[in-house]
Amino acid sequence: MIRFFKTPILHRFIFYRRVWGFSNTRAVFLTFDDGPSEDLTQWILDFLKKEEIKATFFCVGENVQKHPELLERIKIDGHAIGNHTMGHENGLKTSKKRYLASIEEANTVVNSNLFRPPYGRMWFSYSKAIRKKYQIIMWSWLSYDFATSLSTGSILQKAKKQIKGGDIIVLHDNPKVKDRLKELLPELIRIIREKELNFDVIRK
């Protein structure tokens, strides 16, 4: 299987109305999808606070309902928040009506005009309706923290070669990546700082 850590230029060209990254900046934008989750979110927030880093969390509505205190801490700590649907629906396997309803339901608890489609997938025809209310935020560098077939070392080697200012970096905030993320995130931060880059949030 070919794994594209760096989003191909063709994808950005076809879906040009989505946000894939930013230009003219020395900042990178850490994003965490799928949370909040009880143990891992707490660890991420503690780590980011210690490192004085702000990030953007794309939250699943059902998880926010389970852990409202974690969403509140994300806000208090100065991080940005985005909508990741109510139940992490796959936009290629969900009807337009149900998908849009999921986004709106999630927004009753997330309250953000930033949206990222789970799996990065949805039918092209859904975008126009979503863009009336939300910025569709994609990414320019995918960490593959969920891919158990890849070693942490191989992921970090890609990071050293590819990450640059303006990149939106995807990490995950769910129990499946807990051990991998705790190993990966500190080293990823070290690499980014060695490149003399800083960190910022995606703004509404």
C-alpha atoms as a PDB file:
ATOM      1  CA  MET A   1       0.000   0.000   0.000  1.00  0.00           C
ATOM      2  CA  ILE A   2       1.281   3.454  -0.918  1.00  0.00           C
ATOM      3  CA  ARG A   3       1.071   5.839   2.023  1.00  0.00           C
ATOM      4  CA  PHE A   4       1.061   9.551   1.297  1.00  0.00           C
ATOM      5  CA  PHE A   5       2.310  11.379   4.362  1.00  0.00           C
ATOM      6  CA  LYS A   6       2.357  14.602   2.344  1.00  0.00           C
ATOM      7  CA  THR A   7      -0.974  15.352   0.666  1.00  0.00           C
ATOM      8  CA  PRO A   8      -0.556  15.114  -3.136  1.00  0.00           C
ATOM      9  CA  ILE A   9      -0.805  18.409  -5.012  1.00  0.00           C
ATOM     10  CA  LEU A  10      -3.544  16.917  -7.217  1.00  0.00           C
ATOM     11  CA  HIS A  11      -5.817  16.486  -4.177  1.00  0.00           C
ATOM     12  CA  ARG A  12      -5.342  20.132  -3.249  1.00  0.00           C
ATOM     13  CA  PHE A  13      -6.026  21.216  -6.829  1.00  0.00           C
ATOM     14  CA  ILE A  14      -9.249  19.217  -7.155  1.00  0.00           C
ATOM     15  CA  PHE A  15     -10.579  20.241  -3.742  1.00  0.00           C
ATOM     16  CA  TYR A  16      -9.176  23.749  -3.818  1.00  0.00           C
ATOM     17  CA  ARG A  17     -11.935  25.243  -1.688  1.00  0.00           C
ATOM     18  CA  ARG A  18     -10.863  23.180   1.296  1.00  0.00           C
ATOM     19  CA  VAL A  19      -8.050  24.345   3.559  1.00  0.00           C
ATOM     20  CA  TRP A  20      -4.983  22.127   3.124  1.00  0.00           C
ATOM     21  CA  GLY A  21      -2.345  24.323   4.758  1.00  0.00           C
ATOM     22  CA  PHE A  22      -1.131  27.885   5.063  1.00  0.00           C
ATOM     23  CA  SER A  23       1.486  29.923   3.238  1.00  0.00           C
ATOM     24  CA  ASN A  24       3.987  32.542   4.368  1.00  0.00           C
ATOM     25  CA  THR A  25       4.272  31.286   7.935  1.00  0.00           C
ATOM     26  CA  ARG A  26       6.900  29.617  10.097  1.00  0.00           C
ATOM     27  CA  ALA A  27       4.163  27.946  12.134  1.00  0.00           C
ATOM     28  CA  VAL A  28       2.848  24.415  11.885  1.00  0.00           C
ATOM     29  CA  PHE A  29      -0.647  23.489  12.992  1.00  0.00           C
ATOM     30  CA  LEU A  30      -1.003  20.390  15.158  1.00  0.00           C
ATOM     31  CA  THR A  31      -4.484  18.885  14.958  1.00  0.00           C
ATOM     32  CA  PHE A  32      -5.979  16.017  16.932  1.00  0.00           C
ATOM     33  CA  ASP A  33      -8.974  14.079  15.572  1.00  0.00           C
ATOM     34  CA  ASP A  34     -11.605  11.835  17.163  1.00  0.00           C
ATOM     35  CA  GLY A  35     -11.553  12.904  20.833  1.00  0.00           C
ATOM     36  CA  PRO A  36     -11.975  13.767  23.503  1.00  0.00           C
ATOM     37  CA  SER A  37     -11.056  10.467  25.120  1.00  0.00           C
ATOM     38  CA  GLU A  38     -10.713  10.051  28.861  1.00  0.00           C
ATOM     39  CA  ASP A  39      -7.066   9.119  29.370  1.00  0.00           C
ATOM     40  CA  LEU A  40      -5.351  10.256  26.190  1.00  0.00           C
ATOM     41  CA  THR A  41      -6.828  13.750  25.955  1.00  0.00           C
ATOM     42  CA  GLN A  42      -5.738  14.472  29.510  1.00  0.00           C
ATOM     43  CA  TRP A  43      -2.203  13.347  28.679  1.00  0.00           C
ATOM     44  CA  ILE A  44      -2.104  15.393  25.455  1.00  0.00           C
ATOM     45  CA  LEU A  45      -3.306  18.519  27.244  1.00  0.00           C
ATOM     46  CA  ASP A  46      -0.783  18.079  30.058  1.00  0.00           C
ATOM     47  CA  PHE A  47       2.023  17.573  27.538  1.00  0.00           C
ATOM     48  CA  LEU A  48       1.059  20.544  25.378  1.00  0.00           C
ATOM     49  CA  LYS A  49       0.774  22.758  28.443  1.00  0.00           C
ATOM     50  CA  LYS A  50       4.242  21.744  29.603  1.00  0.00           C
ATOM     51  CA  GLU A  51       5.652  22.457  26.139  1.00  0.00           C
ATOM     52  CA  GLU A  52       3.670  25.712  25.808  1.00  0.00           C
ATOM     53  CA  ILE A  53       2.069  24.587  22.547  1.00  0.00           C
ATOM     54  CA  LYS A  54      -1.425  25.327  21.269  1.00  0.00           C
ATOM     55  CA  ALA A  55      -3.241  22.912  18.947  1.00  0.00           C
ATOM     56  CA  THR A  56      -6.603  22.374  17.262  1.00  0.00           C
ATOM     57  CA  PHE A  57      -8.906  19.537  18.361  1.00  0.00           C
ATOM     58  CA  PHE A  58     -11.502  18.182  15.929  1.00  0.00           C
ATOM     59  CA  CYS A  59     -14.009  16.657  18.322  1.00  0.00           C
ATOM     60  CA  VAL A  60     -16.668  13.996  17.813  1.00  0.00           C
ATOM     61  CA  GLY A  61     -19.978  15.131  19.299  1.00  0.00           C
ATOM     62  CA  GLU A  62     -20.714  11.827  21.039  1.00  0.00           C
ATOM     63  CA  ASN A  63     -17.342  11.967  22.782  1.00  0.00           C
ATOM     64  CA  VAL A  64     -17.925  15.552  23.882  1.00  0.00           C
ATOM     65  CA  GLN A  65     -21.201  14.450  25.457  1.00  0.00           C
ATOM     66  CA  LYS A  66     -19.342  11.728  27.359  1.00  0.00           C
ATOM     67  CA  HIS A  67     -16.530  14.045  28.478  1.00  0.00           C
ATOM     68  CA  PRO A  68     -17.759  17.653  28.580  1.00  0.00           C
ATOM     69  CA  GLU A  69     -15.129  18.508  31.185  1.00  0.00           C
ATOM     70  CA  LEU A  70     -12.371  17.691  28.678  1.00  0.00           C
ATOM     71  CA  LEU A  71     -13.860  19.998  26.061  1.00  0.00           C
ATOM     72  CA  GLU A  72     -13.956  22.725  28.701  1.00  0.00           C
ATOM     73  CA  ARG A  73     -10.311  22.156  29.545  1.00  0.00           C
ATOM     74  CA  ILE A  74      -9.353  22.296  25.848  1.00  0.00           C
ATOM     75  CA  LYS A  75     -10.977  25.726  25.720  1.00  0.00           C
ATOM     76  CA  ILE A  76      -9.484  26.938  29.002  1.00  0.00           C
ATOM     77  CA  ASP A  77      -6.004  25.911  27.879  1.00  0.00           C
ATOM     78  CA  GLY A  78      -6.360  28.122  24.801  1.00  0.00           C
ATOM     79  CA  HIS A  79      -6.647  25.484  22.093  1.00  0.00           C
ATOM     80  CA  ALA A  80      -8.959  25.731  19.072  1.00  0.00           C
ATOM     81  CA  ILE A  81     -11.876  23.374  18.490  1.00  0.00           C
ATOM     82  CA  GLY A  82     -13.420  21.936  15.343  1.00  0.00           C
ATOM     83  CA  ASN A  83     -16.386  19.755  14.398  1.00  0.00           C
ATOM     84  CA  HIS A  84     -15.745  16.112  13.427  1.00  0.00           C
ATOM     85  CA  THR A  85     -19.425  15.014  13.106  1.00  0.00           C
ATOM     86  CA  MET A  86     -21.588  13.542  15.841  1.00  0.00           C
ATOM     87  CA  GLY A  87     -20.694   9.881  15.428  1.00  0.00           C
ATOM     88  CA  HIS A  88     -17.572   9.849  13.217  1.00  0.00           C
ATOM     89  CA  GLU A  89     -19.587   9.028  10.119  1.00  0.00           C
ATOM     90  CA  ASN A  90     -17.872   8.096   6.868  1.00  0.00           C
ATOM     91  CA  GLY A  91     -19.005  10.659   4.310  1.00  0.00           C
ATOM     92  CA  LEU A  92     -18.831   8.111   1.475  1.00  0.00           C
ATOM     93  CA  LYS A  93     -21.160   5.709   3.291  1.00  0.00           C
ATOM     94  CA  THR A  94     -23.668   8.149   4.758  1.00  0.00           C
ATOM     95  CA  SER A  95     -26.507   9.928   2.965  1.00  0.00           C
ATOM     96  CA  LYS A  96     -26.167  13.656   2.477  1.00  0.00           C
ATOM     97  CA  LYS A  97     -29.173  14.370   4.685  1.00  0.00           C
ATOM     98  CA  ARG A  98     -27.869  12.223   7.537  1.00  0.00           C
ATOM     99  CA  TYR A  99     -24.314  13.534   7.181  1.00  0.00           C
ATOM    100  CA  LEU A 100     -25.330  17.200   7.315  1.00  0.00           C
ATOM    101  CA  ALA A 101     -27.614  16.450  10.257  1.00  0.00           C
ATOM    102  CA  SER A 102     -24.713  14.806  12.082  1.00  0.00           C
ATOM    103  CA  ILE A 103     -22.550  17.903  11.613  1.00  0.00           C
ATOM    104  CA  GLU A 104     -25.317  20.161  12.902  1.00  0.00           C
ATOM    105  CA  GLU A 105     -26.002  17.935  15.891  1.00  0.00           C
ATOM    106  CA  ALA A 106     -22.304  17.886  16.761  1.00  0.00           C
ATOM    107  CA  ASN A 107     -22.190  21.645  16.553  1.00  0.00           C
ATOM    108  CA  THR A 108     -24.709  21.967  19.370  1.00  0.00           C
ATOM    109  CA  VAL A 109     -21.967  20.737  21.712  1.00  0.00           C
ATOM    110  CA  VAL A 110     -18.779  21.623  19.798  1.00  0.00           C
ATOM    111  CA  ASN A 111     -19.792  25.116  18.608  1.00  0.00           C
ATOM    112  CA  SER A 112     -17.220  25.810  15.898  1.00  0.00           C
ATOM    113  CA  ASN A 113     -17.221  26.850  12.250  1.00  0.00           C
ATOM    114  CA  LEU A 114     -14.231  24.586  11.543  1.00  0.00           C
ATOM    115  CA  PHE A 115     -15.097  21.153  10.136  1.00  0.00           C
ATOM    116  CA  ARG A 116     -12.995  18.152   9.216  1.00  0.00           C
ATOM    117  CA  PRO A 117     -14.607  15.096   7.595  1.00  0.00           C
ATOM    118  CA  PRO A 118     -13.774  11.820   9.353  1.00  0.00           C
ATOM    119  CA  TYR A 119     -11.332   9.752   7.273  1.00  0.00           C
ATOM    120  CA  GLY A 120     -10.959  12.849   5.086  1.00  0.00           C
ATOM    121  CA  ARG A 121     -13.758  11.468   2.921  1.00  0.00           C
ATOM    122  CA  MET A 122     -17.129  12.698   1.767  1.00  0.00           C
ATOM    123  CA  TRP A 123     -18.892  13.043  -1.544  1.00  0.00           C
ATOM    124  CA  PHE A 124     -17.905  16.114  -3.525  1.00  0.00           C
ATOM    125  CA  SER A 125     -21.558  17.206  -3.649  1.00  0.00           C
ATOM    126  CA  TYR A 126     -21.688  17.576   0.170  1.00  0.00           C
ATOM    127  CA  SER A 127     -19.071  20.323   0.229  1.00  0.00           C
ATOM    128  CA  LYS A 128     -21.167  23.196  -1.085  1.00  0.00           C
ATOM    129  CA  ALA A 129     -23.782  22.831   1.637  1.00  0.00           C
ATOM    130  CA  ILE A 130     -21.136  22.468   4.346  1.00  0.00           C
ATOM    131  CA  ARG A 131     -19.191  25.529   3.173  1.00  0.00           C
ATOM    132  CA  LYS A 132     -22.221  27.758   3.755  1.00  0.00           C
ATOM    133  CA  LYS A 133     -21.485  27.535   7.470  1.00  0.00           C
ATOM    134  CA  TYR A 134     -18.073  25.901   7.947  1.00  0.00           C
ATOM    135  CA  GLN A 135     -14.487  26.061   6.765  1.00  0.00           C
ATOM    136  CA  ILE A 136     -13.527  22.562   5.614  1.00  0.00           C
ATOM    137  CA  ILE A 137     -10.112  21.879   7.138  1.00  0.00           C
ATOM    138  CA  MET A 138      -8.017  19.089   5.656  1.00  0.00           C
ATOM    139  CA  TRP A 139      -4.274  18.545   6.127  1.00  0.00           C
ATOM    140  CA  SER A 140      -0.920  18.652   4.397  1.00  0.00           C
ATOM    141  CA  TRP A 141       0.852  16.019   6.539  1.00  0.00           C
ATOM    142  CA  LEU A 142      -0.684  12.831   7.922  1.00  0.00           C
ATOM    143  CA  SER A 143       1.202  11.173  10.780  1.00  0.00           C
ATOM    144  CA  TYR A 144      -0.187   7.626  10.329  1.00  0.00           C
ATOM    145  CA  ASP A 145      -0.120   7.289  14.119  1.00  0.00           C
ATOM    146  CA  PHE A 146      -2.910   4.715  13.664  1.00  0.00           C
ATOM    147  CA  ALA A 147      -0.908   2.475  11.282  1.00  0.00           C
ATOM    148  CA  THR A 148       0.535  -0.316  13.404  1.00  0.00           C
ATOM    149  CA  SER A 149       2.447  -1.668  10.398  1.00  0.00           C
ATOM    150  CA  LEU A 150       4.672   1.426  10.447  1.00  0.00           C
ATOM    151  CA  SER A 151       7.371   1.915  13.041  1.00  0.00           C
ATOM    152  CA  THR A 152       7.539   5.158  14.975  1.00  0.00           C
ATOM    153  CA  GLY A 153      11.041   5.598  13.591  1.00  0.00           C
ATOM    154  CA  SER A 154       9.857   5.450   9.975  1.00  0.00           C
ATOM    155  CA  ILE A 155       7.154   8.037  10.688  1.00  0.00           C
ATOM    156  CA  LEU A 156       9.705  10.361  12.281  1.00  0.00           C
ATOM    157  CA  GLN A 157      12.048   9.979   9.328  1.00  0.00           C
ATOM    158  CA  LYS A 158       9.252  11.213   7.064  1.00  0.00           C
ATOM    159  CA  ALA A 159       8.640  14.109   9.444  1.00  0.00           C
ATOM    160  CA  LYS A 160      12.300  15.154   9.278  1.00  0.00           C
ATOM    161  CA  LYS A 161      12.237  15.210   5.482  1.00  0.00           C
ATOM    162  CA  GLN A 162       8.787  16.615   4.791  1.00  0.00           C
ATOM    163  CA  ILE A 163       7.328  18.898   7.463  1.00  0.00           C
ATOM    164  CA  LYS A 164       7.616  22.607   6.754  1.00  0.00           C
ATOM    165  CA  GLY A 165       6.055  25.900   7.803  1.00  0.00           C
ATOM    166  CA  GLY A 166       2.340  26.132   7.054  1.00  0.00           C
ATOM    167  CA  ASP A 167       1.696  22.409   7.342  1.00  0.00           C
ATOM    168  CA  ILE A 168      -1.474  21.154   9.001  1.00  0.00           C
ATOM    169  CA  ILE A 169      -0.455  17.957  10.806  1.00  0.00           C
ATOM    170  CA  VAL A 170      -2.963  15.239  11.684  1.00  0.00           C
ATOM    171  CA  LEU A 171      -2.654  13.207  14.865  1.00  0.00           C
ATOM    172  CA  HIS A 172      -5.384  11.286  16.659  1.00  0.00           C
ATOM    173  CA  ASP A 173      -6.921  11.436  20.091  1.00  0.00           C
ATOM    174  CA  ASN A 174      -8.511   8.047  20.568  1.00  0.00           C
ATOM    175  CA  PRO A 175      -7.670   4.975  22.682  1.00  0.00           C
ATOM    176  CA  LYS A 176      -6.421   2.992  19.665  1.00  0.00           C
ATOM    177  CA  VAL A 177      -3.355   5.224  19.288  1.00  0.00           C
ATOM    178  CA  LYS A 178      -2.687   5.855  22.982  1.00  0.00           C
ATOM    179  CA  ASP A 179       0.669   4.088  23.315  1.00  0.00           C
ATOM    180  CA  ARG A 180       1.900   5.106  19.859  1.00  0.00           C
ATOM    181  CA  LEU A 181       1.023   8.777  20.354  1.00  0.00           C
ATOM    182  CA  LYS A 182       2.810   9.001  23.699  1.00  0.00           C
ATOM    183  CA  GLU A 183       5.946   7.781  21.949  1.00  0.00           C
ATOM    184  CA  LEU A 184       5.485   9.781  18.760  1.00  0.00           C
ATOM    185  CA  LEU A 185       4.341  13.235  19.882  1.00  0.00           C
ATOM    186  CA  PRO A 186       7.382  14.272  21.972  1.00  0.00           C
ATOM    187  CA  GLU A 187       9.765  13.269  19.179  1.00  0.00           C
ATOM    188  CA  LEU A 188       7.640  15.000  16.556  1.00  0.00           C
ATOM    189  CA  ILE A 189       7.734  18.208  18.597  1.00  0.00           C
ATOM    190  CA  ARG A 190      11.506  17.923  18.908  1.00  0.00           C
ATOM    191  CA  ILE A 191      11.887  17.557  15.119  1.00  0.00           C
ATOM    192  CA  ILE A 192       9.635  20.524  14.414  1.00  0.00           C
ATOM    193  CA  ARG A 193      11.582  22.706  16.830  1.00  0.00           C
ATOM    194  CA  GLU A 194      14.883  21.606  15.311  1.00  0.00           C
ATOM    195  CA  LYS A 195      13.514  23.002  12.043  1.00  0.00           C
ATOM    196  CA  GLU A 196      13.054  26.316  13.910  1.00  0.00           C
ATOM    197  CA  LEU A 197       9.313  26.239  13.367  1.00  0.00           C
ATOM    198  CA  ASN A 198       6.689  27.266  15.905  1.00  0.00           C
ATOM    199  CA  PHE A 199       3.081  26.295  16.558  1.00  0.00           C
ATOM    200  CA  ASP A 200      -0.290  27.935  16.055  1.00  0.00           C
ATOM    201  CA  VAL A 201      -3.996  27.092  16.080  1.00  0.00           C
ATOM    202  CA  ILE A 202      -6.368  27.138  13.125  1.00  0.00           C
ATOM    203  CA  ARG A 203      -8.558  30.182  13.578  1.00  0.00           C
ATOM    204  CA  LYS A 204     -12.266  30.441  12.955  1.00  0.00           C
END
